[in-house]
């Protein structure tokens, strides 16, 4: 049976490595990270175990960490979302390019496939691109959290301007 596991990019590098390396069985906390190369210390392994437990990936049992993997079939996987986002973004990209090619100062909002002002079209493109990049893992959670409000605000302003006009 295939299991899909979401690993948050908010976890530290050590916690993500520990999760991917030791998912199938309980292990000694001291073995969660490879401390022999000098990259990780025993303190790093203890911190990774505590972080994984706090994030709900398992629990600490004495000096062992037990991963708590529960089979779960999500109703929507990131690839399902991408199946919708990527073609929509490609379509909006084509519409923006075509409209931009015929825009003039006298006609800044030429007719386009969506029949919306060019400003809304551009902000829609930004929202779709941000969502697609997020689902593709091309942006960190911090980037998404900082950019989404700005992009959504620009879209809201374009909509408000169109409604007033």
C-alpha atoms as a PDB file:
ATOM      1  CA  UNK A   1       0.000   0.000   0.000  1.00  0.00           C
ATOM      2  CA  UNK A   2       1.342   3.430  -0.900  1.00  0.00           C
ATOM      3  CA  UNK A   3       1.273   6.110   1.752  1.00  0.00           C
ATOM      4  CA  UNK A   4       1.646   9.801   1.090  1.00  0.00           C
ATOM      5  CA  UNK A   5       3.301  11.745   3.857  1.00  0.00           C
ATOM      6  CA  UNK A   6       3.342  15.497   4.043  1.00  0.00           C
ATOM      7  CA  UNK A   7       6.599  16.728   5.498  1.00  0.00           C
ATOM      8  CA  UNK A   8       6.372  20.340   6.528  1.00  0.00           C
ATOM      9  CA  UNK A   9       9.115  22.640   5.299  1.00  0.00           C
ATOM     10  CA  UNK A  10       8.679  24.442   8.621  1.00  0.00           C
ATOM     11  CA  UNK A  11      10.605  21.590  10.255  1.00  0.00           C
ATOM     12  CA  UNK A  12      14.340  22.041  10.643  1.00  0.00           C
ATOM     13  CA  UNK A  13      16.728  20.253   8.289  1.00  0.00           C
ATOM     14  CA  UNK A  14      17.605  17.816  11.061  1.00  0.00           C
ATOM     15  CA  UNK A  15      13.989  16.940  11.788  1.00  0.00           C
ATOM     16  CA  UNK A  16      13.213  16.446   8.070  1.00  0.00           C
ATOM     17  CA  UNK A  17      16.265  14.230   7.613  1.00  0.00           C
ATOM     18  CA  UNK A  18      15.391  12.198  10.689  1.00  0.00           C
ATOM     19  CA  UNK A  19      11.840  11.760   9.457  1.00  0.00           C
ATOM     20  CA  UNK A  20      12.784  10.593   5.982  1.00  0.00           C
ATOM     21  CA  UNK A  21      15.633   8.337   7.172  1.00  0.00           C
ATOM     22  CA  UNK A  22      13.866   6.533   9.990  1.00  0.00           C
ATOM     23  CA  UNK A  23      10.208   6.373   9.165  1.00  0.00           C
ATOM     24  CA  UNK A  24       9.684   2.640   9.176  1.00  0.00           C
ATOM     25  CA  UNK A  25      10.757   1.572  12.669  1.00  0.00           C
ATOM     26  CA  UNK A  26      11.446   2.814  16.173  1.00  0.00           C
ATOM     27  CA  UNK A  27      15.023   3.829  16.747  1.00  0.00           C
ATOM     28  CA  UNK A  28      17.281   5.134  19.441  1.00  0.00           C
ATOM     29  CA  UNK A  29      17.146   8.911  19.586  1.00  0.00           C
ATOM     30  CA  UNK A  30      20.932   8.944  19.346  1.00  0.00           C
ATOM     31  CA  UNK A  31      20.561   7.219  15.948  1.00  0.00           C
ATOM     32  CA  UNK A  32      17.979   9.622  14.511  1.00  0.00           C
ATOM     33  CA  UNK A  33      20.752  11.675  12.917  1.00  0.00           C
ATOM     34  CA  UNK A  34      24.148  10.487  11.713  1.00  0.00           C
ATOM     35  CA  UNK A  35      26.448  12.053  14.281  1.00  0.00           C
ATOM     36  CA  UNK A  36      29.575  10.245  13.035  1.00  0.00           C
ATOM     37  CA  UNK A  37      30.298  12.742  10.238  1.00  0.00           C
ATOM     38  CA  UNK A  38      30.338  15.666  12.642  1.00  0.00           C
ATOM     39  CA  UNK A  39      27.431  17.457  10.961  1.00  0.00           C
ATOM     40  CA  UNK A  40      24.974  16.558  13.721  1.00  0.00           C
ATOM     41  CA  UNK A  41      25.431  16.258  17.470  1.00  0.00           C
ATOM     42  CA  UNK A  42      23.560  14.206  20.063  1.00  0.00           C
ATOM     43  CA  UNK A  43      21.881  17.452  21.148  1.00  0.00           C
ATOM     44  CA  UNK A  44      20.681  17.905  17.536  1.00  0.00           C
ATOM     45  CA  UNK A  45      19.224  14.374  17.593  1.00  0.00           C
ATOM     46  CA  UNK A  46      17.434  15.044  20.898  1.00  0.00           C
ATOM     47  CA  UNK A  47      16.098  18.338  19.534  1.00  0.00           C
ATOM     48  CA  UNK A  48      14.932  16.627  16.325  1.00  0.00           C
ATOM     49  CA  UNK A  49      13.138  13.927  18.353  1.00  0.00           C
ATOM     50  CA  UNK A  50      11.423  16.534  20.532  1.00  0.00           C
ATOM     51  CA  UNK A  51      10.440  18.566  17.457  1.00  0.00           C
ATOM     52  CA  UNK A  52       9.060  15.502  15.662  1.00  0.00           C
ATOM     53  CA  UNK A  53       7.068  14.501  18.755  1.00  0.00           C
ATOM     54  CA  UNK A  54       5.700  18.038  19.141  1.00  0.00           C
ATOM     55  CA  UNK A  55       4.712  18.067  15.456  1.00  0.00           C
ATOM     56  CA  UNK A  56       2.772  14.809  15.893  1.00  0.00           C
ATOM     57  CA  UNK A  57       5.071  12.466  13.962  1.00  0.00           C
ATOM     58  CA  UNK A  58       5.567  10.113  16.899  1.00  0.00           C
ATOM     59  CA  UNK A  59       6.525   9.953  20.544  1.00  0.00           C
ATOM     60  CA  UNK A  60       9.552   9.568  22.762  1.00  0.00           C
ATOM     61  CA  UNK A  61       9.724   6.343  24.767  1.00  0.00           C
ATOM     62  CA  UNK A  62      12.723   6.560  27.078  1.00  0.00           C
ATOM     63  CA  UNK A  63      15.750   6.802  24.815  1.00  0.00           C
ATOM     64  CA  UNK A  64      13.813   5.632  21.740  1.00  0.00           C
ATOM     65  CA  UNK A  65      11.733   7.545  19.266  1.00  0.00           C
ATOM     66  CA  UNK A  66       8.698   5.726  17.886  1.00  0.00           C
ATOM     67  CA  UNK A  67       7.270   7.088  14.673  1.00  0.00           C
ATOM     68  CA  UNK A  68       3.497   7.093  14.710  1.00  0.00           C
ATOM     69  CA  UNK A  69       2.563   6.499  11.091  1.00  0.00           C
ATOM     70  CA  UNK A  70      -1.155   6.261  10.496  1.00  0.00           C
ATOM     71  CA  UNK A  71      -2.340   5.356   6.998  1.00  0.00           C
ATOM     72  CA  UNK A  72      -4.418   8.227   5.722  1.00  0.00           C
ATOM     73  CA  UNK A  73      -5.715   8.838   2.265  1.00  0.00           C
ATOM     74  CA  UNK A  74      -6.107  12.562   1.832  1.00  0.00           C
ATOM     75  CA  UNK A  75      -9.047  13.799  -0.158  1.00  0.00           C
ATOM     76  CA  UNK A  76      -6.773  16.051  -2.153  1.00  0.00           C
ATOM     77  CA  UNK A  77      -3.100  15.485  -2.852  1.00  0.00           C
ATOM     78  CA  UNK A  78      -0.852  18.319  -4.037  1.00  0.00           C
ATOM     79  CA  UNK A  79      -0.641  16.653  -7.451  1.00  0.00           C
ATOM     80  CA  UNK A  80      -4.441  16.801  -7.750  1.00  0.00           C
ATOM     81  CA  UNK A  81      -4.281  20.519  -7.085  1.00  0.00           C
ATOM     82  CA  UNK A  82      -1.481  20.932  -9.615  1.00  0.00           C
ATOM     83  CA  UNK A  83      -3.603  19.138 -12.225  1.00  0.00           C
ATOM     84  CA  UNK A  84      -5.958  22.110 -11.966  1.00  0.00           C
ATOM     85  CA  UNK A  85      -3.538  24.954 -11.235  1.00  0.00           C
ATOM     86  CA  UNK A  86      -0.957  24.352 -13.962  1.00  0.00           C
ATOM     87  CA  UNK A  87      -3.367  24.314 -16.942  1.00  0.00           C
ATOM     88  CA  UNK A  88      -5.263  27.317 -15.544  1.00  0.00           C
ATOM     89  CA  UNK A  89      -2.006  29.230 -15.116  1.00  0.00           C
ATOM     90  CA  UNK A  90      -0.935  28.315 -18.655  1.00  0.00           C
ATOM     91  CA  UNK A  91      -4.272  29.548 -20.021  1.00  0.00           C
ATOM     92  CA  UNK A  92      -4.050  32.814 -18.081  1.00  0.00           C
ATOM     93  CA  UNK A  93      -0.421  33.238 -19.211  1.00  0.00           C
ATOM     94  CA  UNK A  94      -1.576  32.956 -22.841  1.00  0.00           C
ATOM     95  CA  UNK A  95      -4.444  35.402 -22.272  1.00  0.00           C
ATOM     96  CA  UNK A  96      -2.135  37.924 -20.550  1.00  0.00           C
ATOM     97  CA  UNK A  97       0.440  37.659 -23.355  1.00  0.00           C
ATOM     98  CA  UNK A  98      -2.187  38.097 -26.067  1.00  0.00           C
ATOM     99  CA  UNK A  99      -3.841  41.038 -24.299  1.00  0.00           C
ATOM    100  CA  UNK A 100      -0.509  42.672 -23.506  1.00  0.00           C
ATOM    101  CA  UNK A 101       0.512  42.463 -27.165  1.00  0.00           C
ATOM    102  CA  UNK A 102      -2.453  44.622 -28.224  1.00  0.00           C
ATOM    103  CA  UNK A 103      -2.667  46.993 -25.244  1.00  0.00           C
ATOM    104  CA  UNK A 104      -2.162  50.674 -25.961  1.00  0.00           C
ATOM    105  CA  UNK A 105      -2.378  53.817 -23.837  1.00  0.00           C
ATOM    106  CA  UNK A 106      -5.702  54.519 -25.528  1.00  0.00           C
ATOM    107  CA  UNK A 107      -6.970  50.968 -24.894  1.00  0.00           C
ATOM    108  CA  UNK A 108      -5.308  49.653 -21.708  1.00  0.00           C
ATOM    109  CA  UNK A 109      -7.973  46.956 -21.247  1.00  0.00           C
ATOM    110  CA  UNK A 110      -8.417  45.218 -24.601  1.00  0.00           C
ATOM    111  CA  UNK A 111     -10.955  42.415 -24.757  1.00  0.00           C
ATOM    112  CA  UNK A 112      -9.525  39.157 -23.470  1.00  0.00           C
ATOM    113  CA  UNK A 113     -10.758  35.629 -22.995  1.00  0.00           C
ATOM    114  CA  UNK A 114     -11.951  36.294 -19.453  1.00  0.00           C
ATOM    115  CA  UNK A 115     -13.529  39.687 -20.178  1.00  0.00           C
ATOM    116  CA  UNK A 116     -11.956  41.306 -17.128  1.00  0.00           C
ATOM    117  CA  UNK A 117      -9.754  44.396 -16.835  1.00  0.00           C
ATOM    118  CA  UNK A 118      -6.078  43.787 -17.525  1.00  0.00           C
ATOM    119  CA  UNK A 119      -5.150  44.648 -13.910  1.00  0.00           C
ATOM    120  CA  UNK A 120      -7.389  41.855 -12.606  1.00  0.00           C
ATOM    121  CA  UNK A 121      -5.994  39.487 -15.222  1.00  0.00           C
ATOM    122  CA  UNK A 122      -2.419  40.196 -14.111  1.00  0.00           C
ATOM    123  CA  UNK A 123      -3.239  39.746 -10.432  1.00  0.00           C
ATOM    124  CA  UNK A 124      -5.125  36.527 -11.174  1.00  0.00           C
ATOM    125  CA  UNK A 125      -1.984  35.336 -12.934  1.00  0.00           C
ATOM    126  CA  UNK A 126       0.064  36.224  -9.824  1.00  0.00           C
ATOM    127  CA  UNK A 127      -2.307  34.337  -7.501  1.00  0.00           C
ATOM    128  CA  UNK A 128      -2.293  31.230  -9.718  1.00  0.00           C
ATOM    129  CA  UNK A 129       1.502  31.337 -10.078  1.00  0.00           C
ATOM    130  CA  UNK A 130       1.967  31.682  -6.317  1.00  0.00           C
ATOM    131  CA  UNK A 131      -0.366  28.731  -5.666  1.00  0.00           C
ATOM    132  CA  UNK A 132       1.290  26.561  -8.326  1.00  0.00           C
ATOM    133  CA  UNK A 133       4.798  27.364  -7.094  1.00  0.00           C
ATOM    134  CA  UNK A 134       3.692  26.620  -3.529  1.00  0.00           C
ATOM    135  CA  UNK A 135       2.283  23.212  -4.505  1.00  0.00           C
ATOM    136  CA  UNK A 136       5.416  22.419  -6.518  1.00  0.00           C
ATOM    137  CA  UNK A 137       7.543  23.127  -3.457  1.00  0.00           C
ATOM    138  CA  UNK A 138       9.329  26.011  -5.162  1.00  0.00           C
ATOM    139  CA  UNK A 139       8.489  28.365  -2.291  1.00  0.00           C
ATOM    140  CA  UNK A 140       8.991  27.966   1.429  1.00  0.00           C
ATOM    141  CA  UNK A 141       6.097  28.377   3.835  1.00  0.00           C
ATOM    142  CA  UNK A 142       7.651  31.658   4.944  1.00  0.00           C
ATOM    143  CA  UNK A 143       7.695  32.910   1.337  1.00  0.00           C
ATOM    144  CA  UNK A 144       4.087  31.860   0.808  1.00  0.00           C
ATOM    145  CA  UNK A 145       2.963  33.425   4.083  1.00  0.00           C
ATOM    146  CA  UNK A 146       4.687  36.701   3.261  1.00  0.00           C
ATOM    147  CA  UNK A 147       3.680  36.880  -0.422  1.00  0.00           C
ATOM    148  CA  UNK A 148       0.074  35.675  -0.348  1.00  0.00           C
ATOM    149  CA  UNK A 149      -1.341  38.664   1.554  1.00  0.00           C
ATOM    150  CA  UNK A 150       0.431  41.091  -0.795  1.00  0.00           C
ATOM    151  CA  UNK A 151      -0.696  39.278  -3.939  1.00  0.00           C
ATOM    152  CA  UNK A 152      -4.263  38.934  -2.663  1.00  0.00           C
ATOM    153  CA  UNK A 153      -4.309  42.617  -1.699  1.00  0.00           C
ATOM    154  CA  UNK A 154      -3.206  43.613  -5.209  1.00  0.00           C
ATOM    155  CA  UNK A 155      -5.997  41.463  -6.651  1.00  0.00           C
ATOM    156  CA  UNK A 156      -8.511  42.999  -4.228  1.00  0.00           C
ATOM    157  CA  UNK A 157      -7.434  46.504  -5.235  1.00  0.00           C
ATOM    158  CA  UNK A 158      -7.777  45.660  -8.934  1.00  0.00           C
ATOM    159  CA  UNK A 159     -11.266  44.258  -8.317  1.00  0.00           C
ATOM    160  CA  UNK A 160     -12.307  47.297  -6.266  1.00  0.00           C
ATOM    161  CA  UNK A 161     -10.989  49.637  -8.949  1.00  0.00           C
ATOM    162  CA  UNK A 162     -12.945  47.764 -11.627  1.00  0.00           C
ATOM    163  CA  UNK A 163     -16.132  47.838  -9.547  1.00  0.00           C
ATOM    164  CA  UNK A 164     -15.842  51.589  -8.946  1.00  0.00           C
ATOM    165  CA  UNK A 165     -15.121  52.318 -12.632  1.00  0.00           C
END
